[in-house]
Amino acid sequence: MRDYTPVNRLAPIPCLAYKARMRVRGDLATMCCKRVATKVRTELEEIRLAEREITRP
């Protein structure tokens, strides 16, 4: 690293910070999607049970 100028030594730091931010955003989006999917799945199951009760003879 001593062969590089100070600017070139510091350049990887913002790149690593940017990469970390993008990774966290992706993880957060995945977590939210899974959470919403779980909530929707339970609501759909409740609707199905209600429909079954209505349509039973």
Protein backbone atom coordinates (compact mmCIF):
# COMPACT_ATOMS: atom_id res chain seq x y z
CA MET A 1 0.00 0.00 0.00
CA ARG A 2 2.92 2.36 0.45
CA ASP A 3 3.38 2.48 -3.33
CA TYR A 4 0.02 4.19 -3.72
CA THR A 5 -0.75 7.86 -3.19
CA PRO A 6 -2.79 8.81 -0.10
CA VAL A 7 -5.90 9.37 -2.26
CA ASN A 8 -5.61 5.89 -3.74
CA ARG A 9 -5.15 4.42 -0.27
CA LEU A 10 -8.37 6.03 0.97
CA ALA A 11 -10.48 5.19 -2.09
CA PRO A 12 -11.41 1.63 -0.98
CA ILE A 13 -12.95 2.91 2.29
CA PRO A 14 -15.95 4.71 0.71
CA CYS A 15 -16.36 1.79 -1.69
CA LEU A 16 -16.57 -0.65 1.21
CA ALA A 17 -19.03 1.61 3.05
CA TYR A 18 -21.22 1.85 -0.06
CA LYS A 19 -21.12 -1.91 -0.54
CA ALA A 20 -22.09 -2.46 3.10
CA ARG A 21 -25.03 -0.04 2.77
CA MET A 22 -26.29 -1.82 -0.35
CA ARG A 23 -26.03 -5.19 1.38
CA VAL A 24 -27.98 -3.92 4.41
CA ARG A 25 -30.69 -2.46 2.17
CA GLY A 26 -31.00 -5.75 0.34
CA ASP A 27 -31.22 -7.68 3.60
CA LEU A 28 -33.82 -5.26 4.94
CA ALA A 29 -35.93 -5.56 1.79
CA THR A 30 -35.75 -9.36 1.97
CA MET A 31 -36.77 -9.32 5.63
CA CYS A 32 -39.74 -7.05 4.92
CA CYS A 33 -40.89 -9.21 2.00
CA LYS A 34 -40.76 -12.35 4.13
CA ARG A 35 -42.67 -10.65 6.91
CA VAL A 36 -45.39 -9.39 4.58
CA ALA A 37 -45.65 -12.81 2.94
CA THR A 38 -46.15 -14.46 6.32
CA LYS A 39 -48.84 -11.95 7.30
CA VAL A 40 -50.64 -12.36 3.98
CA ARG A 41 -50.46 -16.14 4.27
CA THR A 42 -52.12 -16.11 7.70
CA GLU A 43 -54.83 -13.70 6.52
CA LEU A 44 -55.50 -15.86 3.48
CA GLU A 45 -55.83 -18.93 5.68
CA GLU A 46 -58.33 -17.08 7.90
CA ILE A 47 -60.37 -16.14 4.83
CA ARG A 48 -60.34 -19.75 3.63
CA LEU A 49 -61.56 -21.00 7.01
CA ALA A 50 -64.34 -18.42 7.05
CA GLU A 51 -65.39 -19.47 3.52
CA ARG A 52 -65.45 -23.14 4.54
CA GLU A 53 -67.71 -22.33 7.48
CA ILE A 54 -70.11 -20.43 5.23
CA THR A 55 -70.26 -23.08 2.50
CA ARG A 56 -70.66 -26.11 4.78
CA PRO A 57 -74.11 -27.71 4.51
